[in-house]
Amino acid sequence: MIPGMEYGFERAIFEIVSGFVLSLVVRAFAYSFGLPWVSFLFNVLSILLTIGLIDKMPFWSMSYLLGWLLGLIYIGPTFLSLPELLLYFSITLFVLYGKLRSLTE
């Protein structure tokens, strides 16, 4: 069975909150041990994971994607910077538009 809206919502909440907490922990340890390059590597890894997430979005079901978008709208403004929020939001809308367009063709 294809995961529905509630699973997409839960995934968005989990990914955003866990990413925020992990980022805080990595930065705190990196700077307390005098290793700022670790924070840089974490940022590079975060970018690669974001690209991986975006790459998988077209394969999500419509309801799962809508749930993820609702989770992003619900918790994103609290934990994401405005550029990150706009990036995730616009890409999700673009993927949704592509799915809706393919239904009408």
PDB file of N, CA and C in Angstrom:
ATOM      1  N   MET A   1       0.835  -1.180   0.000  1.00  0.00           N
ATOM      2  CA  MET A   1       0.000   0.000   0.000  1.00  0.00           C
ATOM      3  C   MET A   1       0.884   1.250   0.000  1.00  0.00           C
ATOM      4  N   ILE A   2       0.486   2.235  -0.748  1.00  0.00           N
ATOM      5  CA  ILE A   2       1.242   3.474  -0.859  1.00  0.00           C
ATOM      6  C   ILE A   2       1.013   4.324   0.388  1.00  0.00           C
ATOM      7  N   PRO A   3       2.117   4.811   0.997  1.00  0.00           N
ATOM      8  CA  PRO A   3       1.951   5.684   2.170  1.00  0.00           C
ATOM      9  C   PRO A   3       1.162   6.938   1.807  1.00  0.00           C
ATOM     10  N   GLY A   4       0.297   7.366   2.719  1.00  0.00           N
ATOM     11  CA  GLY A   4      -0.570   8.505   2.450  1.00  0.00           C
ATOM     12  C   GLY A   4      -0.074   9.804   3.054  1.00  0.00           C
ATOM     13  N   MET A   5      -1.015  10.725   3.125  1.00  0.00           N
ATOM     14  CA  MET A   5      -0.722  12.086   3.549  1.00  0.00           C
ATOM     15  C   MET A   5      -0.111  12.147   4.950  1.00  0.00           C
ATOM     16  N   GLU A   6      -0.634  11.345   5.868  1.00  0.00           N
ATOM     17  CA  GLU A   6      -0.133  11.412   7.244  1.00  0.00           C
ATOM     18  C   GLU A   6       1.337  11.017   7.337  1.00  0.00           C
ATOM     19  N   TYR A   7       1.769  10.089   6.476  1.00  0.00           N
ATOM     20  CA  TYR A   7       3.173   9.676   6.487  1.00  0.00           C
ATOM     21  C   TYR A   7       4.078  10.762   5.904  1.00  0.00           C
ATOM     22  N   GLY A   8       3.596  11.437   4.887  1.00  0.00           N
ATOM     23  CA  GLY A   8       4.350  12.563   4.337  1.00  0.00           C
ATOM     24  C   GLY A   8       4.479  13.689   5.346  1.00  0.00           C
ATOM     25  N   PHE A   9       3.394  13.956   6.067  1.00  0.00           N
ATOM     26  CA  PHE A   9       3.402  14.988   7.106  1.00  0.00           C
ATOM     27  C   PHE A   9       4.412  14.632   8.202  1.00  0.00           C
ATOM     28  N   GLU A  10       4.355  13.381   8.664  1.00  0.00           N
ATOM     29  CA  GLU A  10       5.284  12.924   9.707  1.00  0.00           C
ATOM     30  C   GLU A  10       6.727  12.995   9.233  1.00  0.00           C
ATOM     31  N   ARG A  11       6.969  12.623   7.981  1.00  0.00           N
ATOM     32  CA  ARG A  11       8.336  12.656   7.453  1.00  0.00           C
ATOM     33  C   ARG A  11       8.874  14.076   7.424  1.00  0.00           C
ATOM     34  N   ALA A  12       8.061  15.021   6.986  1.00  0.00           N
ATOM     35  CA  ALA A  12       8.501  16.415   6.938  1.00  0.00           C
ATOM     36  C   ALA A  12       8.847  16.910   8.335  1.00  0.00           C
ATOM     37  N   ILE A  13       7.978  16.636   9.302  1.00  0.00           N
ATOM     38  CA  ILE A  13       8.223  17.070  10.680  1.00  0.00           C
ATOM     39  C   ILE A  13       9.513  16.447  11.200  1.00  0.00           C
ATOM     40  N   PHE A  14       9.657  15.144  11.022  1.00  0.00           N
ATOM     41  CA  PHE A  14      10.838  14.445  11.522  1.00  0.00           C
ATOM     42  C   PHE A  14      12.110  14.960  10.862  1.00  0.00           C
ATOM     43  N   GLU A  15      12.105  15.109   9.540  1.00  0.00           N
ATOM     44  CA  GLU A  15      13.309  15.549   8.833  1.00  0.00           C
ATOM     45  C   GLU A  15      13.718  16.962   9.224  1.00  0.00           C
ATOM     46  N   ILE A  16      12.757  17.848   9.335  1.00  0.00           N
ATOM     47  CA  ILE A  16      13.071  19.241   9.652  1.00  0.00           C
ATOM     48  C   ILE A  16      13.591  19.366  11.082  1.00  0.00           C
ATOM     49  N   VAL A  17      12.901  18.760  12.033  1.00  0.00           N
ATOM     50  CA  VAL A  17      13.311  18.874  13.438  1.00  0.00           C
ATOM     51  C   VAL A  17      14.633  18.146  13.677  1.00  0.00           C
ATOM     52  N   SER A  18      14.773  16.934  13.152  1.00  0.00           N
ATOM     53  CA  SER A  18      16.018  16.192  13.375  1.00  0.00           C
ATOM     54  C   SER A  18      17.196  16.880  12.692  1.00  0.00           C
ATOM     55  N   GLY A  19      16.991  17.440  11.518  1.00  0.00           N
ATOM     56  CA  GLY A  19      18.058  18.182  10.850  1.00  0.00           C
ATOM     57  C   GLY A  19      18.493  19.395  11.644  1.00  0.00           C
ATOM     58  N   PHE A  20      17.530  20.100  12.220  1.00  0.00           N
ATOM     59  CA  PHE A  20      17.832  21.281  13.032  1.00  0.00           C
ATOM     60  C   PHE A  20      18.619  20.895  14.284  1.00  0.00           C
ATOM     61  N   VAL A  21      18.148  19.877  14.991  1.00  0.00           N
ATOM     62  CA  VAL A  21      18.811  19.445  16.226  1.00  0.00           C
ATOM     63  C   VAL A  21      20.213  18.919  15.923  1.00  0.00           C
ATOM     64  N   LEU A  22      20.340  18.101  14.899  1.00  0.00           N
ATOM     65  CA  LEU A  22      21.646  17.556  14.540  1.00  0.00           C
ATOM     66  C   LEU A  22      22.613  18.668  14.147  1.00  0.00           C
ATOM     67  N   SER A  23      22.121  19.654  13.435  1.00  0.00           N
ATOM     68  CA  SER A  23      22.952  20.792  13.052  1.00  0.00           C
ATOM     69  C   SER A  23      23.463  21.539  14.279  1.00  0.00           C
ATOM     70  N   LEU A  24      22.598  21.753  15.256  1.00  0.00           N
ATOM     71  CA  LEU A  24      23.020  22.428  16.492  1.00  0.00           C
ATOM     72  C   LEU A  24      24.085  21.625  17.232  1.00  0.00           C
ATOM     73  N   VAL A  25      23.885  20.323  17.322  1.00  0.00           N
ATOM     74  CA  VAL A  25      24.831  19.466  18.034  1.00  0.00           C
ATOM     75  C   VAL A  25      26.185  19.457  17.328  1.00  0.00           C
ATOM     76  N   VAL A  26      26.179  19.282  16.014  1.00  0.00           N
ATOM     77  CA  VAL A  26      27.435  19.250  15.259  1.00  0.00           C
ATOM     78  C   VAL A  26      28.170  20.574  15.388  1.00  0.00           C
ATOM     79  N   ARG A  27      27.472  21.674  15.233  1.00  0.00           N
ATOM     80  CA  ARG A  27      28.128  22.983  15.351  1.00  0.00           C
ATOM     81  C   ARG A  27      28.688  23.213  16.747  1.00  0.00           C
ATOM     82  N   ALA A  28      27.936  22.839  17.763  1.00  0.00           N
ATOM     83  CA  ALA A  28      28.406  23.032  19.141  1.00  0.00           C
ATOM     84  C   ALA A  28      29.686  22.241  19.400  1.00  0.00           C
ATOM     85  N   PHE A  29      29.698  20.965  19.007  1.00  0.00           N
ATOM     86  CA  PHE A  29      30.893  20.152  19.212  1.00  0.00           C
ATOM     87  C   PHE A  29      32.051  20.623  18.340  1.00  0.00           C
ATOM     88  N   ALA A  30      31.763  20.977  17.104  1.00  0.00           N
ATOM     89  CA  ALA A  30      32.827  21.410  16.193  1.00  0.00           C
ATOM     90  C   ALA A  30      33.539  22.645  16.728  1.00  0.00           C
ATOM     91  N   TYR A  31      32.790  23.610  17.172  1.00  0.00           N
ATOM     92  CA  TYR A  31      33.410  24.843  17.658  1.00  0.00           C
ATOM     93  C   TYR A  31      33.991  24.689  19.063  1.00  0.00           C
ATOM     94  N   SER A  32      33.413  23.835  19.888  1.00  0.00           N
ATOM     95  CA  SER A  32      33.974  23.649  21.230  1.00  0.00           C
ATOM     96  C   SER A  32      35.303  22.894  21.185  1.00  0.00           C
ATOM     97  N   PHE A  33      35.491  22.049  20.165  1.00  0.00           N
ATOM     98  CA  PHE A  33      36.757  21.335  20.014  1.00  0.00           C
ATOM     99  C   PHE A  33      37.701  22.030  19.034  1.00  0.00           C
ATOM    100  N   GLY A  34      37.309  23.206  18.566  1.00  0.00           N
ATOM    101  CA  GLY A  34      38.167  23.960  17.651  1.00  0.00           C
ATOM    102  C   GLY A  34      38.290  23.333  16.274  1.00  0.00           C
ATOM    103  N   LEU A  35      37.221  22.718  15.814  1.00  0.00           N
ATOM    104  CA  LEU A  35      37.221  22.058  14.502  1.00  0.00           C
ATOM    105  C   LEU A  35      36.114  22.631  13.615  1.00  0.00           C
ATOM    106  N   PRO A  36      36.235  23.889  13.192  1.00  0.00           N
ATOM    107  CA  PRO A  36      35.160  24.489  12.393  1.00  0.00           C
ATOM    108  C   PRO A  36      34.963  23.814  11.038  1.00  0.00           C
ATOM    109  N   TRP A  37      35.970  23.098  10.541  1.00  0.00           N
ATOM    110  CA  TRP A  37      35.839  22.407   9.262  1.00  0.00           C
ATOM    111  C   TRP A  37      34.800  21.285   9.339  1.00  0.00           C
ATOM    112  N   VAL A  38      34.565  20.747  10.538  1.00  0.00           N
ATOM    113  CA  VAL A  38      33.538  19.709  10.701  1.00  0.00           C
ATOM    114  C   VAL A  38      32.160  20.295  10.400  1.00  0.00           C
ATOM    115  N   SER A  39      31.937  21.515  10.845  1.00  0.00           N
ATOM    116  CA  SER A  39      30.675  22.193  10.560  1.00  0.00           C
ATOM    117  C   SER A  39      30.511  22.406   9.058  1.00  0.00           C
ATOM    118  N   PHE A  40      31.596  22.765   8.385  1.00  0.00           N
ATOM    119  CA  PHE A  40      31.557  22.937   6.928  1.00  0.00           C
ATOM    120  C   PHE A  40      31.211  21.615   6.239  1.00  0.00           C
ATOM    121  N   LEU A  41      31.846  20.531   6.654  1.00  0.00           N
ATOM    122  CA  LEU A  41      31.551  19.218   6.062  1.00  0.00           C
ATOM    123  C   LEU A  41      30.100  18.807   6.306  1.00  0.00           C
ATOM    124  N   PHE A  42      29.585  19.145   7.476  1.00  0.00           N
ATOM    125  CA  PHE A  42      28.184  18.850   7.773  1.00  0.00           C
ATOM    126  C   PHE A  42      27.264  19.621   6.823  1.00  0.00           C
ATOM    127  N   ASN A  43      27.589  20.873   6.539  1.00  0.00           N
ATOM    128  CA  ASN A  43      26.792  21.664   5.595  1.00  0.00           C
ATOM    129  C   ASN A  43      26.835  21.061   4.198  1.00  0.00           C
ATOM    130  N   VAL A  44      28.007  20.585   3.773  1.00  0.00           N
ATOM    131  CA  VAL A  44      28.123  19.931   2.465  1.00  0.00           C
ATOM    132  C   VAL A  44      27.270  18.664   2.438  1.00  0.00           C
ATOM    133  N   LEU A  45      27.331  17.879   3.499  1.00  0.00           N
ATOM    134  CA  LEU A  45      26.514  16.666   3.592  1.00  0.00           C
ATOM    135  C   LEU A  45      25.025  17.002   3.560  1.00  0.00           C
ATOM    136  N   SER A  46      24.631  18.064   4.237  1.00  0.00           N
ATOM    137  CA  SER A  46      23.226  18.492   4.235  1.00  0.00           C
ATOM    138  C   SER A  46      22.762  18.851   2.833  1.00  0.00           C
ATOM    139  N   ILE A  47      23.613  19.523   2.076  1.00  0.00           N
ATOM    140  CA  ILE A  47      23.270  19.881   0.698  1.00  0.00           C
ATOM    141  C   ILE A  47      23.094  18.623  -0.143  1.00  0.00           C
ATOM    142  N   LEU A  48      23.992  17.660   0.010  1.00  0.00           N
ATOM    143  CA  LEU A  48      23.884  16.411  -0.750  1.00  0.00           C
ATOM    144  C   LEU A  48      22.613  15.638  -0.379  1.00  0.00           C
ATOM    145  N   LEU A  49      22.271  15.622   0.899  1.00  0.00           N
ATOM    146  CA  LEU A  49      21.044  14.938   1.325  1.00  0.00           C
ATOM    147  C   LEU A  49      19.797  15.649   0.806  1.00  0.00           C
ATOM    148  N   THR A  50      19.844  16.965   0.726  1.00  0.00           N
ATOM    149  CA  THR A  50      18.721  17.726   0.167  1.00  0.00           C
ATOM    150  C   THR A  50      18.542  17.399  -1.309  1.00  0.00           C
ATOM    151  N   ILE A  51      19.642  17.299  -2.037  1.00  0.00           N
ATOM    152  CA  ILE A  51      19.572  16.925  -3.454  1.00  0.00           C
ATOM    153  C   ILE A  51      18.972  15.528  -3.595  1.00  0.00           C
ATOM    154  N   GLY A  52      19.363  14.608  -2.716  1.00  0.00           N
ATOM    155  CA  GLY A  52      18.793  13.262  -2.735  1.00  0.00           C
ATOM    156  C   GLY A  52      17.301  13.262  -2.463  1.00  0.00           C
ATOM    157  N   LEU A  53      16.869  14.098  -1.521  1.00  0.00           N
ATOM    158  CA  LEU A  53      15.439  14.219  -1.212  1.00  0.00           C
ATOM    159  C   LEU A  53      14.672  14.728  -2.427  1.00  0.00           C
ATOM    160  N   ILE A  54      15.193  15.770  -3.043  1.00  0.00           N
ATOM    161  CA  ILE A  54      14.538  16.363  -4.210  1.00  0.00           C
ATOM    162  C   ILE A  54      14.482  15.362  -5.356  1.00  0.00           C
ATOM    163  N   ASP A  55      15.522  14.547  -5.485  1.00  0.00           N
ATOM    164  CA  ASP A  55      15.578  13.544  -6.543  1.00  0.00           C
ATOM    165  C   ASP A  55      14.485  12.488  -6.377  1.00  0.00           C
ATOM    166  N   LYS A  56      14.087  12.206  -5.149  1.00  0.00           N
ATOM    167  CA  LYS A  56      13.075  11.171  -4.896  1.00  0.00           C
ATOM    168  C   LYS A  56      11.643  11.692  -4.921  1.00  0.00           C
ATOM    169  N   MET A  57      11.459  12.992  -4.818  1.00  0.00           N
ATOM    170  CA  MET A  57      10.110  13.559  -4.751  1.00  0.00           C
ATOM    171  C   MET A  57       9.192  13.155  -5.908  1.00  0.00           C
ATOM    172  N   PRO A  58       9.670  13.100  -7.143  1.00  0.00           N
ATOM    173  CA  PRO A  58       8.754  12.718  -8.231  1.00  0.00           C
ATOM    174  C   PRO A  58       8.164  11.313  -8.086  1.00  0.00           C
ATOM    175  N   PHE A  59       8.777  10.468  -7.271  1.00  0.00           N
ATOM    176  CA  PHE A  59       8.290   9.101  -7.103  1.00  0.00           C
ATOM    177  C   PHE A  59       7.316   8.953  -5.941  1.00  0.00           C
ATOM    178  N   TRP A  60       7.134  10.014  -5.168  1.00  0.00           N
ATOM    179  CA  TRP A  60       6.184   9.979  -4.062  1.00  0.00           C
ATOM    180  C   TRP A  60       4.764  10.050  -4.603  1.00  0.00           C
ATOM    181  N   SER A  61       3.820   9.469  -3.860  1.00  0.00           N
ATOM    182  CA  SER A  61       2.420   9.581  -4.268  1.00  0.00           C
ATOM    183  C   SER A  61       1.951  11.019  -4.058  1.00  0.00           C
ATOM    184  N   MET A  62       0.863  11.358  -4.709  1.00  0.00           N
ATOM    185  CA  MET A  62       0.315  12.717  -4.612  1.00  0.00           C
ATOM    186  C   MET A  62      -0.069  13.047  -3.169  1.00  0.00           C
ATOM    187  N   SER A  63      -0.719  12.108  -2.480  1.00  0.00           N
ATOM    188  CA  SER A  63      -1.145  12.383  -1.102  1.00  0.00           C
ATOM    189  C   SER A  63       0.058  12.496  -0.168  1.00  0.00           C
ATOM    190  N   TYR A  64       1.085  11.680  -0.378  1.00  0.00           N
ATOM    191  CA  TYR A  64       2.296  11.746   0.438  1.00  0.00           C
ATOM    192  C   TYR A  64       2.978  13.096   0.246  1.00  0.00           C
ATOM    193  N   LEU A  65       3.059  13.543  -0.995  1.00  0.00           N
ATOM    194  CA  LEU A  65       3.676  14.830  -1.311  1.00  0.00           C
ATOM    195  C   LEU A  65       2.885  15.983  -0.698  1.00  0.00           C
ATOM    196  N   LEU A  66       1.567  15.900  -0.748  1.00  0.00           N
ATOM    197  CA  LEU A  66       0.739  16.934  -0.111  1.00  0.00           C
ATOM    198  C   LEU A  66       0.934  16.945   1.407  1.00  0.00           C
ATOM    199  N   GLY A  67       1.036  15.772   2.008  1.00  0.00           N
ATOM    200  CA  GLY A  67       1.305  15.691   3.441  1.00  0.00           C
ATOM    201  C   GLY A  67       2.650  16.291   3.791  1.00  0.00           C
ATOM    202  N   TRP A  68       3.650  16.026   2.950  1.00  0.00           N
ATOM    203  CA  TRP A  68       4.984  16.594   3.176  1.00  0.00           C
ATOM    204  C   TRP A  68       4.935  18.116   3.076  1.00  0.00           C
ATOM    205  N   LEU A  69       4.183  18.612   2.104  1.00  0.00           N
ATOM    206  CA  LEU A  69       4.043  20.061   1.936  1.00  0.00           C
ATOM    207  C   LEU A  69       3.345  20.684   3.145  1.00  0.00           C
ATOM    208  N   LEU A  70       2.306  20.032   3.644  1.00  0.00           N
ATOM    209  CA  LEU A  70       1.614  20.536   4.836  1.00  0.00           C
ATOM    210  C   LEU A  70       2.533  20.527   6.061  1.00  0.00           C
ATOM    211  N   GLY A  71       3.336  19.479   6.196  1.00  0.00           N
ATOM    212  CA  GLY A  71       4.306  19.431   7.289  1.00  0.00           C
ATOM    213  C   GLY A  71       5.333  20.542   7.172  1.00  0.00           C
ATOM    214  N   LEU A  72       5.764  20.810   5.953  1.00  0.00           N
ATOM    215  CA  LEU A  72       6.709  21.904   5.703  1.00  0.00           C
ATOM    216  C   LEU A  72       6.100  23.241   6.085  1.00  0.00           C
ATOM    217  N   ILE A  73       4.861  23.457   5.702  1.00  0.00           N
ATOM    218  CA  ILE A  73       4.174  24.714   6.031  1.00  0.00           C
ATOM    219  C   ILE A  73       3.960  24.821   7.538  1.00  0.00           C
ATOM    220  N   TYR A  74       3.660  23.695   8.176  1.00  0.00           N
ATOM    221  CA  TYR A  74       3.358  23.690   9.609  1.00  0.00           C
ATOM    222  C   TYR A  74       4.597  23.976  10.466  1.00  0.00           C
ATOM    223  N   ILE A  75       5.695  23.294  10.196  1.00  0.00           N
ATOM    224  CA  ILE A  75       6.853  23.387  11.095  1.00  0.00           C
ATOM    225  C   ILE A  75       8.045  24.108  10.468  1.00  0.00           C
ATOM    226  N   GLY A  76       8.070  24.223   9.154  1.00  0.00           N
ATOM    227  CA  GLY A  76       9.202  24.836   8.471  1.00  0.00           C
ATOM    228  C   GLY A  76       9.569  26.233   8.927  1.00  0.00           C
ATOM    229  N   PRO A  77       8.602  27.147   9.069  1.00  0.00           N
ATOM    230  CA  PRO A  77       8.966  28.512   9.477  1.00  0.00           C
ATOM    231  C   PRO A  77       9.651  28.588  10.842  1.00  0.00           C
ATOM    232  N   THR A  78       9.450  27.600  11.683  1.00  0.00           N
ATOM    233  CA  THR A  78      10.072  27.599  13.007  1.00  0.00           C
ATOM    234  C   THR A  78      11.535  27.169  12.957  1.00  0.00           C
ATOM    235  N   PHE A  79      11.864  26.216  12.085  1.00  0.00           N
ATOM    236  CA  PHE A  79      13.194  25.614  12.107  1.00  0.00           C
ATOM    237  C   PHE A  79      14.053  25.887  10.877  1.00  0.00           C
ATOM    238  N   LEU A  80      13.494  26.398   9.807  1.00  0.00           N
ATOM    239  CA  LEU A  80      14.260  26.626   8.582  1.00  0.00           C
ATOM    240  C   LEU A  80      14.453  28.114   8.334  1.00  0.00           C
ATOM    241  N   SER A  81      15.555  28.432   7.677  1.00  0.00           N
ATOM    242  CA  SER A  81      15.753  29.818   7.258  1.00  0.00           C
ATOM    243  C   SER A  81      14.816  30.096   6.081  1.00  0.00           C
ATOM    244  N   LEU A  82      14.593  31.355   5.806  1.00  0.00           N
ATOM    245  CA  LEU A  82      13.685  31.719   4.714  1.00  0.00           C
ATOM    246  C   LEU A  82      14.148  31.155   3.367  1.00  0.00           C
ATOM    247  N   PRO A  83      15.449  31.250   3.005  1.00  0.00           N
ATOM    248  CA  PRO A  83      15.864  30.654   1.727  1.00  0.00           C
ATOM    249  C   PRO A  83      15.624  29.145   1.658  1.00  0.00           C
ATOM    250  N   GLU A  84      15.890  28.430   2.761  1.00  0.00           N
ATOM    251  CA  GLU A  84      15.636  26.985   2.779  1.00  0.00           C
ATOM    252  C   GLU A  84      14.151  26.696   2.617  1.00  0.00           C
ATOM    253  N   LEU A  85      13.337  27.430   3.339  1.00  0.00           N
ATOM    254  CA  LEU A  85      11.888  27.243   3.277  1.00  0.00           C
ATOM    255  C   LEU A  85      11.370  27.502   1.866  1.00  0.00           C
ATOM    256  N   LEU A  86      11.819  28.578   1.262  1.00  0.00           N
ATOM    257  CA  LEU A  86      11.390  28.900  -0.102  1.00  0.00           C
ATOM    258  C   LEU A  86      11.866  27.855  -1.100  1.00  0.00           C
ATOM    259  N   LEU A  87      13.076  27.351  -0.911  1.00  0.00           N
ATOM    260  CA  LEU A  87      13.602  26.318  -1.805  1.00  0.00           C
ATOM    261  C   LEU A  87      12.750  25.053  -1.731  1.00  0.00           C
ATOM    262  N   TYR A  88      12.533  24.543  -0.527  1.00  0.00           N
ATOM    263  CA  TYR A  88      11.720  23.329  -0.363  1.00  0.00           C
ATOM    264  C   TYR A  88      10.291  23.540  -0.867  1.00  0.00           C
ATOM    265  N   PHE A  89       9.722  24.681  -0.536  1.00  0.00           N
ATOM    266  CA  PHE A  89       8.349  24.978  -0.926  1.00  0.00           C
ATOM    267  C   PHE A  89       8.219  25.047  -2.447  1.00  0.00           C
ATOM    268  N   SER A  90       9.115  25.772  -3.102  1.00  0.00           N
ATOM    269  CA  SER A  90       9.010  25.935  -4.554  1.00  0.00           C
ATOM    270  C   SER A  90       9.263  24.623  -5.287  1.00  0.00           C
ATOM    271  N   ILE A  91      10.216  23.838  -4.825  1.00  0.00           N
ATOM    272  CA  ILE A  91      10.480  22.554  -5.484  1.00  0.00           C
ATOM    273  C   ILE A  91       9.305  21.605  -5.297  1.00  0.00           C
ATOM    274  N   THR A  92       8.726  21.587  -4.104  1.00  0.00           N
ATOM    275  CA  THR A  92       7.563  20.731  -3.857  1.00  0.00           C
ATOM    276  C   THR A  92       6.392  21.146  -4.736  1.00  0.00           C
ATOM    277  N   LEU A  93       6.154  22.443  -4.851  1.00  0.00           N
ATOM    278  CA  LEU A  93       5.076  22.915  -5.730  1.00  0.00           C
ATOM    279  C   LEU A  93       5.358  22.570  -7.185  1.00  0.00           C
ATOM    280  N   PHE A  94       6.611  22.662  -7.597  1.00  0.00           N
ATOM    281  CA  PHE A  94       6.989  22.311  -8.966  1.00  0.00           C
ATOM    282  C   PHE A  94       6.715  20.831  -9.243  1.00  0.00           C
ATOM    283  N   VAL A  95       7.065  19.970  -8.299  1.00  0.00           N
ATOM    284  CA  VAL A  95       6.811  18.532  -8.465  1.00  0.00           C
ATOM    285  C   VAL A  95       5.310  18.260  -8.481  1.00  0.00           C
ATOM    286  N   LEU A  96       4.557  18.916  -7.603  1.00  0.00           N
ATOM    287  CA  LEU A  96       3.095  18.764  -7.600  1.00  0.00           C
ATOM    288  C   LEU A  96       2.492  19.213  -8.928  1.00  0.00           C
ATOM    289  N   TYR A  97       2.970  20.332  -9.435  1.00  0.00           N
ATOM    290  CA  TYR A  97       2.491  20.829 -10.724  1.00  0.00           C
ATOM    291  C   TYR A  97       2.759  19.796 -11.820  1.00  0.00           C
ATOM    292  N   GLY A  98       3.938  19.211 -11.811  1.00  0.00           N
ATOM    293  CA  GLY A  98       4.263  18.186 -12.803  1.00  0.00           C
ATOM    294  C   GLY A  98       3.353  16.976 -12.701  1.00  0.00           C
ATOM    295  N   LYS A  99       3.041  16.567 -11.480  1.00  0.00           N
ATOM    296  CA  LYS A  99       2.139  15.426 -11.291  1.00  0.00           C
ATOM    297  C   LYS A  99       0.726  15.753 -11.774  1.00  0.00           C
ATOM    298  N   LEU A 100       0.238  16.942 -11.428  1.00  0.00           N
ATOM    299  CA  LEU A 100      -1.101  17.347 -11.868  1.00  0.00           C
ATOM    300  C   LEU A 100      -1.162  17.488 -13.384  1.00  0.00           C
ATOM    301  N   ARG A 101      -0.119  18.020 -13.953  1.00  0.00           N
ATOM    302  CA  ARG A 101      -0.082  18.198 -15.406  1.00  0.00           C
ATOM    303  C   ARG A 101      -0.080  16.847 -16.124  1.00  0.00           C
ATOM    304  N   SER A 102       0.638  15.871 -15.566  1.00  0.00           N
ATOM    305  CA  SER A 102       0.676  14.554 -16.202  1.00  0.00           C
ATOM    306  C   SER A 102      -0.681  13.848 -16.114  1.00  0.00           C
ATOM    307  N   LEU A 103      -1.487  14.201 -15.113  1.00  0.00           N
ATOM    308  CA  LEU A 103      -2.823  13.612 -14.997  1.00  0.00           C
ATOM    309  C   LEU A 103      -3.772  14.133 -16.069  1.00  0.00           C
ATOM    310  N   THR A 104      -3.554  15.363 -16.513  1.00  0.00           N
ATOM    311  CA  THR A 104      -4.457  15.969 -17.492  1.00  0.00           C
ATOM    312  C   THR A 104      -4.040  15.690 -18.930  1.00  0.00           C
ATOM    313  N   GLU A 105      -2.877  15.105 -19.123  1.00  0.00           N
ATOM    314  CA  GLU A 105      -2.423  14.825 -20.502  1.00  0.00           C
ATOM    315  C   GLU A 105      -2.880  13.485 -20.984  1.00  0.00           C
TER     316      GLU A 105
END
